[in-house]
Amino acid sequence: MTTSTPDLIVLHEHPEWQKPLFAALARRGVSFEPFDVTRAAFSNVEPLRAPLYFNQASPSAYIRGNTRAVPLALAYMRSLELLGARVLNGADVFALELSKSAQATLLRTQGIDCPRSITFNDPCALRAYESEIRWPALLKPDQGGSGARIQVVDSLAQVETLFSRDPGIWLPDNLFLLQEYLPHDPDRGIIRLEFLGGELLYAMRVVTHGRFNLCPSPVCNPDGGAGSCELPDDPAAIDAPPVEFYPFPEVPQDAVDTAKRIARAAKLDVGGIEYLETVDGRRVFYDINANSNLRPSVAAAFGFDPFERVVDFLAGQLVGRG
């Protein structure tokens, strides 16, 4: 739905992900306009075109060949905010989502149990931390997105070999983390809490089967089968069963309270926060997602359509109730 003066502009990069939201907006008669950041331009002299902007750009754009979408989205949101625009999940929130190292430090400053992380731009620099590293460890790109390039490593020599063998591994931003590996019960998986306007929308348990692509969108991880944006370079995906998503109504209240604190500290308007419970009894929070692909089948178990709830929130923002 496009008008000359929309009430809402949605920044996005993955049109398939946006279909349920756009359909819900159209059903409710909200005047909105999509803004595709994959091939876009903006001017510093054009006036604001809408009273509200909603960022749905994803850090994983680069794995779909849309590497330039992320810097364009970030620059556009910074420009919009300088002009006085209200941007949900705006530049600061998006910048936090783009940096796993910043997320790890934010969690640390909040006194929340999180993985010990070392950020580096050259594997040789890790030698200064060699006595502190416990193997196995988790190797992941700072920007990340949909589990791309995450893998378990067993030694510094293996890390150095990976980078010397494939310089392309540095995509998209030339930064990586070596992160504490957290053994947990594979049958229990991880917990993802979806937040909307600072309040819990729903919780779900995600049984990963060793995979790292845990995108909740049915486009990527449909119930019972491989999705259309499977990551070909994910070693954990080879021969593994599909990721499973289950409603988790019994999520502990203290875990919800901790996640609320994270959402406030991150200034998150809409998004998902993930934690897992280790085999030695720790509850470790490790991921903050500003781009939240809601899972209708899970929300249906709680009795609602998640995209209708998002539209409720957006409509509230438009009339000043948010």
Protein backbone atom coordinates (compact mmCIF):
# COMPACT_ATOMS: atom_id res chain seq x y z
CA MET A 1 0.00 0.00 0.00
CA THR A 2 1.63 3.27 -1.10
CA THR A 3 0.41 6.84 -0.65
CA SER A 4 2.07 10.18 -1.29
CA THR A 5 2.06 11.01 2.44
CA PRO A 6 1.98 7.73 4.40
CA ASP A 7 1.60 7.58 8.16
CA LEU A 8 4.25 4.89 8.38
CA ILE A 9 7.34 3.93 6.37
CA VAL A 10 8.82 0.45 6.92
CA LEU A 11 12.50 -0.02 6.13
CA HIS A 12 13.13 -3.58 5.01
CA GLU A 13 15.46 -5.83 3.03
CA HIS A 14 13.68 -9.21 2.83
CA PRO A 15 10.24 -8.86 1.16
CA GLU A 16 9.15 -12.40 2.05
CA TRP A 17 9.65 -11.69 5.75
CA GLN A 18 7.51 -8.57 5.50
CA LYS A 19 4.44 -10.07 3.83
CA PRO A 20 2.56 -10.90 7.07
CA LEU A 21 3.16 -7.44 8.52
CA PHE A 22 2.22 -5.64 5.32
CA ALA A 23 -0.95 -7.74 5.05
CA ALA A 24 -1.90 -6.90 8.64
CA LEU A 25 -1.28 -3.19 8.06
CA ALA A 26 -3.43 -3.27 4.92
CA ARG A 27 -6.26 -5.10 6.73
CA ARG A 28 -6.29 -2.45 9.42
CA GLY A 29 -6.22 0.42 6.93
CA VAL A 30 -2.92 1.85 8.13
CA SER A 31 -1.41 4.13 5.50
CA PHE A 32 2.12 2.79 5.01
CA GLU A 33 4.89 2.63 2.48
CA PRO A 34 7.69 0.05 2.18
CA PHE A 35 11.25 1.34 1.78
CA ASP A 36 13.51 -1.34 0.31
CA VAL A 37 17.06 -0.62 1.51
CA THR A 38 18.71 -3.06 -0.90
CA ARG A 39 18.67 -0.54 -3.77
CA ALA A 40 17.94 2.89 -2.37
CA ALA A 41 19.00 6.51 -2.15
CA PHE A 42 18.12 9.46 0.06
CA SER A 43 18.87 13.17 0.13
CA ASN A 44 19.88 15.44 3.00
CA VAL A 45 17.47 18.16 1.82
CA GLU A 46 14.24 16.18 1.42
CA PRO A 47 11.65 16.64 4.18
CA LEU A 48 10.38 13.82 6.35
CA ARG A 49 7.69 11.87 4.52
CA ALA A 50 5.98 10.19 7.46
CA PRO A 51 5.45 10.78 11.19
CA LEU A 52 6.73 7.28 11.98
CA TYR A 53 9.41 4.98 10.57
CA PHE A 54 9.88 1.31 11.49
CA ASN A 55 13.20 -0.40 10.90
CA GLN A 56 13.00 -4.04 9.80
CA ALA A 57 16.42 -4.27 8.15
CA SER A 58 18.45 -7.36 9.04
CA PRO A 59 22.17 -7.88 9.79
CA SER A 60 21.98 -11.06 7.71
CA ALA A 61 21.36 -9.09 4.48
CA TYR A 62 24.88 -9.85 3.27
CA ILE A 63 24.25 -13.60 3.10
CA ARG A 64 21.53 -12.87 0.53
CA GLY A 65 23.83 -10.71 -1.61
CA ASN A 66 22.54 -7.46 -0.07
CA THR A 67 25.71 -6.38 1.73
CA ARG A 68 25.14 -2.68 1.00
CA ALA A 69 21.65 -2.71 2.53
CA VAL A 70 22.95 -2.54 6.11
CA PRO A 71 25.13 0.59 5.83
CA LEU A 72 22.41 2.33 3.78
CA ALA A 73 19.78 1.53 6.42
CA LEU A 74 22.03 2.75 9.23
CA ALA A 75 22.96 5.96 7.42
CA TYR A 76 19.33 6.65 6.48
CA MET A 77 18.12 6.19 10.05
CA ARG A 78 20.84 8.47 11.38
CA SER A 79 19.80 11.11 8.86
CA LEU A 80 16.11 10.68 9.71
CA GLU A 81 16.78 11.05 13.42
CA LEU A 82 18.88 14.17 12.88
CA LEU A 83 15.85 15.59 11.09
CA GLY A 84 13.68 14.80 14.10
CA ALA A 85 11.96 11.64 12.86
CA ARG A 86 10.59 9.00 15.23
CA VAL A 87 12.26 5.76 14.16
CA LEU A 88 11.32 2.51 15.90
CA ASN A 89 14.33 0.24 16.36
CA GLY A 90 16.34 3.20 15.11
CA ALA A 91 20.02 3.83 14.48
CA ASP A 92 21.34 3.15 17.98
CA VAL A 93 19.28 -0.02 18.34
CA PHE A 94 20.29 -1.23 14.89
CA ALA A 95 23.96 -0.48 15.60
CA LEU A 96 23.69 -2.63 18.73
CA GLU A 97 22.14 -5.48 16.75
CA LEU A 98 24.99 -5.21 14.24
CA SER A 99 27.62 -5.81 16.93
CA LYS A 100 27.73 -9.00 18.98
CA SER A 101 30.69 -7.52 20.85
CA ALA A 102 28.64 -4.47 21.89
CA GLN A 103 25.80 -6.77 22.96
CA ALA A 104 28.18 -8.81 25.10
CA THR A 105 29.50 -5.67 26.78
CA LEU A 106 25.99 -4.30 27.35
CA LEU A 107 24.95 -7.54 29.05
CA ARG A 108 28.10 -7.42 31.16
CA THR A 109 27.44 -3.84 32.26
CA GLN A 110 23.93 -4.87 33.33
CA GLY A 111 25.36 -7.57 35.58
CA ILE A 112 23.73 -10.31 33.48
CA ASP A 113 25.42 -13.66 32.97
CA CYS A 114 26.65 -13.72 29.36
CA PRO A 115 29.39 -15.49 27.39
CA ARG A 116 32.94 -14.25 27.80
CA SER A 117 33.84 -12.83 24.38
CA ILE A 118 37.05 -11.73 22.67
CA THR A 119 36.70 -9.52 19.60
CA PHE A 120 39.50 -9.56 17.03
CA ASN A 121 40.47 -8.50 13.51
CA ASP A 122 43.50 -10.78 13.24
CA PRO A 123 43.74 -14.32 14.67
CA CYS A 124 47.32 -13.61 15.77
CA ALA A 125 45.98 -11.05 18.23
CA LEU A 126 44.22 -13.87 20.10
CA ARG A 127 47.59 -15.14 21.31
CA ALA A 128 47.57 -12.44 23.99
CA TYR A 129 44.49 -14.17 25.46
CA GLU A 130 45.64 -17.74 24.89
CA SER A 131 45.95 -18.57 28.58
CA GLU A 132 42.37 -17.41 29.21
CA ILE A 133 40.64 -19.25 26.36
CA ARG A 134 38.82 -22.47 27.15
CA TRP A 135 38.34 -24.92 24.29
CA PRO A 136 36.09 -25.71 22.56
CA ALA A 137 34.99 -22.16 21.80
CA LEU A 138 32.44 -20.54 19.53
CA LEU A 139 33.63 -18.52 16.54
CA LYS A 140 31.16 -15.96 15.18
CA PRO A 141 31.21 -12.76 13.10
CA ASP A 142 30.57 -9.53 14.98
CA GLN A 143 27.75 -8.53 12.63
CA GLY A 144 26.35 -12.02 12.40
CA GLY A 145 22.81 -12.66 11.26
CA SER A 146 20.90 -15.96 10.88
CA GLY A 147 23.78 -17.95 12.32
CA ALA A 148 26.06 -17.28 9.35
CA ARG A 149 29.69 -18.37 9.76
CA ILE A 150 29.22 -19.52 13.36
CA GLN A 151 31.12 -22.67 14.21
CA VAL A 152 32.67 -24.54 17.10
CA VAL A 153 36.48 -24.52 17.14
CA ASP A 154 38.92 -26.55 19.21
CA SER A 155 42.19 -24.63 19.10
CA LEU A 156 43.87 -21.38 18.15
CA ALA A 157 45.66 -23.26 15.37
CA GLN A 158 42.28 -24.22 13.91
CA VAL A 159 41.12 -20.60 14.04
CA GLU A 160 44.27 -19.41 12.26
CA THR A 161 43.85 -22.09 9.62
CA LEU A 162 40.23 -21.13 8.95
CA PHE A 163 41.13 -17.51 8.26
CA SER A 164 44.23 -18.24 6.22
CA ARG A 165 42.37 -20.77 4.08
CA ASP A 166 39.39 -18.53 3.30
CA PRO A 167 39.89 -14.74 3.51
CA GLY A 168 36.23 -14.34 2.48
CA ILE A 169 35.24 -15.52 5.94
CA TRP A 170 35.82 -11.95 7.18
CA LEU A 171 32.60 -10.75 5.55
CA PRO A 172 30.77 -8.56 6.20
CA ASP A 173 32.63 -6.25 8.60
CA ASN A 174 36.10 -7.74 9.20
CA LEU A 175 35.48 -8.44 12.88
CA PHE A 176 35.00 -11.76 14.67
CA LEU A 177 34.37 -12.98 18.19
CA LEU A 178 35.82 -15.97 19.95
CA GLN A 179 33.17 -16.70 22.52
CA GLU A 180 32.76 -19.01 25.48
CA TYR A 181 31.13 -22.27 24.44
CA LEU A 182 28.09 -23.07 26.58
CA PRO A 183 27.24 -26.79 26.86
CA HIS A 184 23.49 -27.28 27.26
CA ASP A 185 20.90 -30.02 26.95
CA PRO A 186 20.18 -30.34 23.20
CA ASP A 187 16.67 -31.60 23.91
CA ARG A 188 15.85 -28.43 25.85
CA GLY A 189 17.46 -26.11 23.31
CA ILE A 190 17.45 -22.35 23.80
CA ILE A 191 14.74 -19.88 24.84
CA ARG A 192 13.71 -16.88 22.76
CA LEU A 193 11.59 -14.13 24.30
CA GLU A 194 9.78 -11.79 21.92
CA PHE A 195 9.16 -8.26 23.19
CA LEU A 196 6.85 -5.56 21.93
CA GLY A 197 6.94 -2.10 23.45
CA GLY A 198 8.92 -3.36 26.43
CA GLU A 199 6.48 -6.15 27.31
CA LEU A 200 6.71 -9.88 26.68
CA LEU A 201 4.72 -10.91 23.61
CA TYR A 202 5.46 -14.63 23.92
CA ALA A 203 8.25 -17.07 24.75
CA MET A 204 9.30 -20.11 22.77
CA ARG A 205 11.70 -22.97 23.16
CA VAL A 206 13.90 -23.61 20.12
CA VAL A 207 15.42 -27.08 19.71
CA THR A 208 18.40 -26.45 17.44
CA HIS A 209 19.77 -29.95 16.68
CA GLY A 210 23.19 -28.32 16.47
CA ARG A 211 22.15 -25.74 13.89
CA PHE A 212 22.95 -22.06 14.21
CA ASN A 213 20.36 -20.66 11.76
CA LEU A 214 17.50 -20.17 14.23
CA CYS A 215 15.54 -17.58 12.25
CA PRO A 216 11.94 -17.89 13.54
CA SER A 217 10.40 -16.93 10.19
CA PRO A 218 8.54 -19.86 8.57
CA VAL A 219 10.15 -18.70 5.32
CA CYS A 220 13.55 -19.73 6.67
CA ASN A 221 12.63 -22.51 9.07
CA PRO A 222 9.20 -23.90 8.17
CA ASP A 223 7.66 -26.54 10.38
CA GLY A 224 9.06 -29.91 9.35
CA GLY A 225 11.29 -28.91 6.44
CA ALA A 226 14.18 -26.90 4.99
CA GLY A 227 13.51 -23.25 4.29
CA SER A 228 14.22 -21.03 1.34
CA CYS A 229 17.13 -19.19 2.99
CA GLU A 230 19.08 -22.15 4.31
CA LEU A 231 22.73 -21.22 4.87
CA PRO A 232 24.91 -23.37 2.60
CA ASP A 233 28.09 -22.54 4.54
CA ASP A 234 26.71 -23.66 7.93
CA PRO A 235 28.55 -26.91 8.80
CA ALA A 236 26.03 -27.65 11.55
CA ALA A 237 23.19 -27.78 9.03
CA ILE A 238 24.56 -30.80 7.18
CA ASP A 239 22.32 -33.81 7.80
CA ALA A 240 20.80 -32.20 10.90
CA PRO A 241 17.03 -32.38 11.53
CA PRO A 242 15.04 -29.16 11.08
CA VAL A 243 14.98 -26.62 13.89
CA GLU A 244 11.92 -27.05 16.11
CA PHE A 245 9.94 -24.18 17.68
CA TYR A 246 7.61 -24.71 20.65
CA PRO A 247 5.47 -22.35 22.75
CA PHE A 248 6.99 -21.89 26.20
CA PRO A 249 4.27 -20.52 28.50
CA GLU A 250 6.12 -21.72 31.60
CA VAL A 251 9.07 -19.35 31.08
CA PRO A 252 10.37 -18.34 34.55
CA GLN A 253 9.29 -14.85 35.62
CA ASP A 254 12.81 -13.93 36.72
CA ALA A 255 14.06 -14.73 33.20
CA VAL A 256 11.35 -12.46 31.78
CA ASP A 257 12.35 -9.72 34.22
CA THR A 258 15.99 -9.99 33.18
CA ALA A 259 15.04 -9.83 29.51
CA LYS A 260 12.91 -6.75 30.22
CA ARG A 261 15.97 -5.07 31.69
CA ILE A 262 17.91 -5.92 28.55
CA ALA A 263 15.15 -4.54 26.34
CA ARG A 264 15.15 -1.28 28.31
CA ALA A 265 18.93 -0.97 28.24
CA ALA A 266 18.98 -1.68 24.51
CA LYS A 267 16.06 0.75 23.91
CA LEU A 268 14.41 -2.04 21.96
CA ASP A 269 10.97 -1.27 20.53
CA VAL A 270 10.34 -4.68 18.94
CA GLY A 271 12.69 -7.63 19.15
CA GLY A 272 13.83 -10.97 20.50
CA ILE A 273 16.19 -11.83 23.35
CA GLU A 274 17.73 -15.28 23.68
CA TYR A 275 19.14 -17.26 26.56
CA LEU A 276 20.06 -20.84 27.36
CA GLU A 277 20.50 -22.91 30.48
CA THR A 278 23.85 -24.64 30.74
CA VAL A 279 24.44 -28.15 32.02
CA ASP A 280 26.01 -26.67 35.17
CA GLY A 281 22.96 -24.56 36.00
CA ARG A 282 23.76 -21.13 34.56
CA ARG A 283 21.12 -19.06 32.75
CA VAL A 284 23.13 -17.22 30.10
CA PHE A 285 21.75 -14.44 27.90
CA TYR A 286 23.65 -14.13 24.65
CA ASP A 287 21.70 -12.48 21.80
CA ILE A 288 19.68 -9.29 21.24
CA ASN A 289 17.66 -9.14 18.01
CA ALA A 290 16.09 -5.88 16.84
CA ASN A 291 14.79 -7.49 13.66
CA SER A 292 12.25 -9.95 14.99
CA ASN A 293 10.67 -12.47 12.64
CA LEU A 294 7.60 -13.50 14.58
CA ARG A 295 6.34 -17.07 14.35
CA PRO A 296 2.57 -17.24 13.83
CA SER A 297 2.23 -20.90 14.83
CA VAL A 298 3.83 -20.24 18.22
CA ALA A 299 1.79 -17.08 18.88
CA ALA A 300 -1.38 -18.96 17.86
CA ALA A 301 -0.80 -21.32 20.78
CA PHE A 302 -1.14 -18.25 23.03
CA GLY A 303 -4.33 -17.23 21.22
CA PHE A 304 -3.33 -14.33 18.99
CA ASP A 305 -1.83 -13.24 15.67
CA PRO A 306 1.56 -11.62 16.44
CA PHE A 307 1.41 -9.29 13.46
CA GLU A 308 -1.94 -7.91 14.61
CA ARG A 309 -0.28 -7.13 17.93
CA VAL A 310 2.54 -5.33 16.10
CA VAL A 311 -0.01 -3.29 14.18
CA ASP A 312 -1.72 -2.43 17.49
CA PHE A 313 1.64 -1.16 18.75
CA LEU A 314 2.36 0.82 15.57
CA ALA A 315 -1.11 2.37 15.62
CA GLY A 316 -0.55 3.36 19.24
CA GLN A 317 2.71 5.04 18.30
CA LEU A 318 0.94 6.98 15.56
CA VAL A 319 -1.65 8.43 17.94
CA GLY A 320 0.88 9.09 20.68
CA ARG A 321 -0.10 6.25 22.99
CA GLY A 322 3.14 4.27 22.56
